[in-house]
Structures are given as C-alpha cells and as structure tokens.
C-alpha cells in the first residue's frame, strides 16, 4: 500500500475537508502536499476542472489511491454535487415593472 499522508485524511469533517471516495479529506493539506492551489484541488475533486496525468498522479499519491480510483471518486462526487444543485430562485415580481 502506498504511503498516505495522514494529515490529508480524517475520520471527521473539518473546516477545509470534504467527503471524497468514502473518506474526509483536508483540501488545504492536499494542496500543500501536492503543491497545487487549494482552489484547483477543490475544483478538480468536484469534477469542475480537468486533470492532467501529472496532477492526477500527485493527487492519487496524496490520497493513497490509484488514478483509476481517483477518477471514479471524482465522477461519483460530480454526480452527487450536480444532483444537489438547485435552479436559482428569482425574486417575486412587483407591480409597476
């Protein structure tokens, strides 16, 4: 099994953590461990940003998972986040417009 930086993983949700692949991961620690920006890591793991092989390798090592498992977890998280999106609510119309 690959070495996994324990500071990236947690049993509990914290301020900068998200549930990903059945674990809670600290986005700040993952960003620091990989040398990628916090925003990039957040968008990549949410499926909002494409990953090149080099960055996918960095993330998979930091999270202790294969690139295939990383890809599957990103797809699962993207589907979950997309299902939670709600259309923006519009303010009520007022007379006189």
C-alpha atoms as a PDB file:
ATOM      1  CA  UNK A   1       0.000   0.000   0.000  1.00  0.00           C
ATOM      2  CA  UNK A   2       1.230   3.483  -0.825  1.00  0.00           C
ATOM      3  CA  UNK A   3       2.261   5.914   1.880  1.00  0.00           C
ATOM      4  CA  UNK A   4      -0.674   8.152   2.761  1.00  0.00           C
ATOM      5  CA  UNK A   5      -0.088  11.473   4.495  1.00  0.00           C
ATOM      6  CA  UNK A   6      -2.407  11.205   7.489  1.00  0.00           C
ATOM      7  CA  UNK A   7      -2.823  14.971   7.660  1.00  0.00           C
ATOM      8  CA  UNK A   8      -4.756  14.767   4.365  1.00  0.00           C
ATOM      9  CA  UNK A   9      -7.273  12.234   5.691  1.00  0.00           C
ATOM     10  CA  UNK A  10      -9.638  12.383   8.623  1.00  0.00           C
ATOM     11  CA  UNK A  11     -12.364  10.336  10.232  1.00  0.00           C
ATOM     12  CA  UNK A  12     -14.332  13.531  10.845  1.00  0.00           C
ATOM     13  CA  UNK A  13     -15.344  16.540   8.798  1.00  0.00           C
ATOM     14  CA  UNK A  14     -13.350  19.697   9.491  1.00  0.00           C
ATOM     15  CA  UNK A  15     -13.434  23.249   8.150  1.00  0.00           C
ATOM     16  CA  UNK A  16     -11.427  22.570   4.976  1.00  0.00           C
ATOM     17  CA  UNK A  17     -12.490  18.969   4.457  1.00  0.00           C
ATOM     18  CA  UNK A  18     -14.880  17.312   2.054  1.00  0.00           C
ATOM     19  CA  UNK A  19     -16.173  13.791   1.736  1.00  0.00           C
ATOM     20  CA  UNK A  20     -14.422  12.110  -1.145  1.00  0.00           C
ATOM     21  CA  UNK A  21     -14.120   8.448  -2.010  1.00  0.00           C
ATOM     22  CA  UNK A  22     -15.560   7.381   1.346  1.00  0.00           C
ATOM     23  CA  UNK A  23     -13.066   9.489   3.323  1.00  0.00           C
ATOM     24  CA  UNK A  24     -12.925  13.019   4.627  1.00  0.00           C
ATOM     25  CA  UNK A  25     -10.020  14.814   3.058  1.00  0.00           C
ATOM     26  CA  UNK A  26      -8.488  18.098   4.121  1.00  0.00           C
ATOM     27  CA  UNK A  27      -8.284  20.194   0.955  1.00  0.00           C
ATOM     28  CA  UNK A  28      -5.702  22.550   2.453  1.00  0.00           C
ATOM     29  CA  UNK A  29      -3.424  19.648   3.419  1.00  0.00           C
ATOM     30  CA  UNK A  30      -3.846  18.021  -0.007  1.00  0.00           C
ATOM     31  CA  UNK A  31      -2.991  21.322  -1.708  1.00  0.00           C
ATOM     32  CA  UNK A  32       0.081  21.735   0.473  1.00  0.00           C
ATOM     33  CA  UNK A  33       1.150  18.109  -0.062  1.00  0.00           C
ATOM     34  CA  UNK A  34       0.779  18.269  -3.855  1.00  0.00           C
ATOM     35  CA  UNK A  35       1.945  21.834  -4.456  1.00  0.00           C
ATOM     36  CA  UNK A  36      -1.353  22.615  -6.198  1.00  0.00           C
ATOM     37  CA  UNK A  37      -3.564  25.539  -5.220  1.00  0.00           C
ATOM     38  CA  UNK A  38      -6.460  24.983  -2.830  1.00  0.00           C
ATOM     39  CA  UNK A  39      -8.917  26.230  -5.463  1.00  0.00           C
ATOM     40  CA  UNK A  40      -7.528  23.902  -8.133  1.00  0.00           C
ATOM     41  CA  UNK A  41      -7.755  20.897  -5.799  1.00  0.00           C
ATOM     42  CA  UNK A  42     -11.316  21.813  -4.820  1.00  0.00           C
ATOM     43  CA  UNK A  43     -12.469  22.246  -8.435  1.00  0.00           C
ATOM     44  CA  UNK A  44     -10.615  19.134  -9.660  1.00  0.00           C
ATOM     45  CA  UNK A  45     -12.089  16.877  -6.963  1.00  0.00           C
ATOM     46  CA  UNK A  46     -15.564  18.288  -7.673  1.00  0.00           C
ATOM     47  CA  UNK A  47     -15.201  17.406 -11.362  1.00  0.00           C
ATOM     48  CA  UNK A  48     -15.299  21.055 -12.423  1.00  0.00           C
ATOM     49  CA  UNK A  49     -11.721  21.049 -13.690  1.00  0.00           C
ATOM     50  CA  UNK A  50      -9.979  18.550 -15.928  1.00  0.00           C
ATOM     51  CA  UNK A  51      -6.899  16.798 -14.587  1.00  0.00           C
ATOM     52  CA  UNK A  52      -3.720  16.140 -16.493  1.00  0.00           C
ATOM     53  CA  UNK A  53      -1.786  12.968 -15.763  1.00  0.00           C
ATOM     54  CA  UNK A  54       0.883  14.749 -13.697  1.00  0.00           C
ATOM     55  CA  UNK A  55      -1.651  16.373 -11.357  1.00  0.00           C
ATOM     56  CA  UNK A  56      -3.766  13.206 -11.208  1.00  0.00           C
ATOM     57  CA  UNK A  57      -0.642  11.337 -10.053  1.00  0.00           C
ATOM     58  CA  UNK A  58       0.072  13.975  -7.391  1.00  0.00           C
ATOM     59  CA  UNK A  59      -3.485  13.787  -6.077  1.00  0.00           C
ATOM     60  CA  UNK A  60      -3.655   9.997  -6.146  1.00  0.00           C
ATOM     61  CA  UNK A  61      -0.403   9.710  -4.168  1.00  0.00           C
ATOM     62  CA  UNK A  62      -1.553  12.313  -1.624  1.00  0.00           C
ATOM     63  CA  UNK A  63      -4.860  10.480  -1.177  1.00  0.00           C
ATOM     64  CA  UNK A  64      -3.399   6.967  -1.210  1.00  0.00           C
ATOM     65  CA  UNK A  65      -5.480   5.753  -4.139  1.00  0.00           C
ATOM     66  CA  UNK A  66      -4.891   4.667  -7.707  1.00  0.00           C
ATOM     67  CA  UNK A  67      -5.532   7.059 -10.575  1.00  0.00           C
ATOM     68  CA  UNK A  68      -8.470   4.844 -11.598  1.00  0.00           C
ATOM     69  CA  UNK A  69      -9.971   5.068  -8.092  1.00  0.00           C
ATOM     70  CA  UNK A  70      -9.370   8.835  -8.110  1.00  0.00           C
ATOM     71  CA  UNK A  71     -11.188   9.152 -11.434  1.00  0.00           C
ATOM     72  CA  UNK A  72     -14.119   7.056 -10.188  1.00  0.00           C
ATOM     73  CA  UNK A  73     -14.352   9.066  -6.955  1.00  0.00           C
ATOM     74  CA  UNK A  74     -14.338  12.347  -8.922  1.00  0.00           C
ATOM     75  CA  UNK A  75     -17.144  11.072 -11.167  1.00  0.00           C
ATOM     76  CA  UNK A  76     -19.174   9.962  -8.134  1.00  0.00           C
ATOM     77  CA  UNK A  77     -18.656  13.286  -6.358  1.00  0.00           C
ATOM     78  CA  UNK A  78     -19.552  15.263  -9.500  1.00  0.00           C
ATOM     79  CA  UNK A  79     -22.797  13.304  -9.884  1.00  0.00           C
ATOM     80  CA  UNK A  80     -23.645  13.911  -6.223  1.00  0.00           C
ATOM     81  CA  UNK A  81     -22.891  17.636  -6.410  1.00  0.00           C
ATOM     82  CA  UNK A  82     -24.836  18.008  -9.674  1.00  0.00           C
ATOM     83  CA  UNK A  83     -27.878  16.323  -8.103  1.00  0.00           C
ATOM     84  CA  UNK A  84     -27.780  18.823  -5.221  1.00  0.00           C
ATOM     85  CA  UNK A  85     -27.825  21.879  -7.485  1.00  0.00           C
ATOM     86  CA  UNK A  86     -30.985  23.898  -7.417  1.00  0.00           C
ATOM     87  CA  UNK A  87     -32.072  26.413 -10.005  1.00  0.00           C
ATOM     88  CA  UNK A  88     -31.547  29.975  -8.834  1.00  0.00           C
ATOM     89  CA  UNK A  89     -34.624  31.445  -7.236  1.00  0.00           C
ATOM     90  CA  UNK A  90     -35.989  34.619  -8.710  1.00  0.00           C
ATOM     91  CA  UNK A  91     -37.332  37.430  -6.571  1.00  0.00           C
ATOM     92  CA  UNK A  92     -41.107  37.871  -6.722  1.00  0.00           C
ATOM     93  CA  UNK A  93     -42.342  40.236  -9.391  1.00  0.00           C
ATOM     94  CA  UNK A  94     -43.691  43.527  -8.144  1.00  0.00           C
ATOM     95  CA  UNK A  95     -46.299  45.596  -9.828  1.00  0.00           C
ATOM     96  CA  UNK A  96     -45.134  48.569 -11.769  1.00  0.00           C
ATOM     97  CA  UNK A  97     -42.323  46.871 -13.625  1.00  0.00           C
END
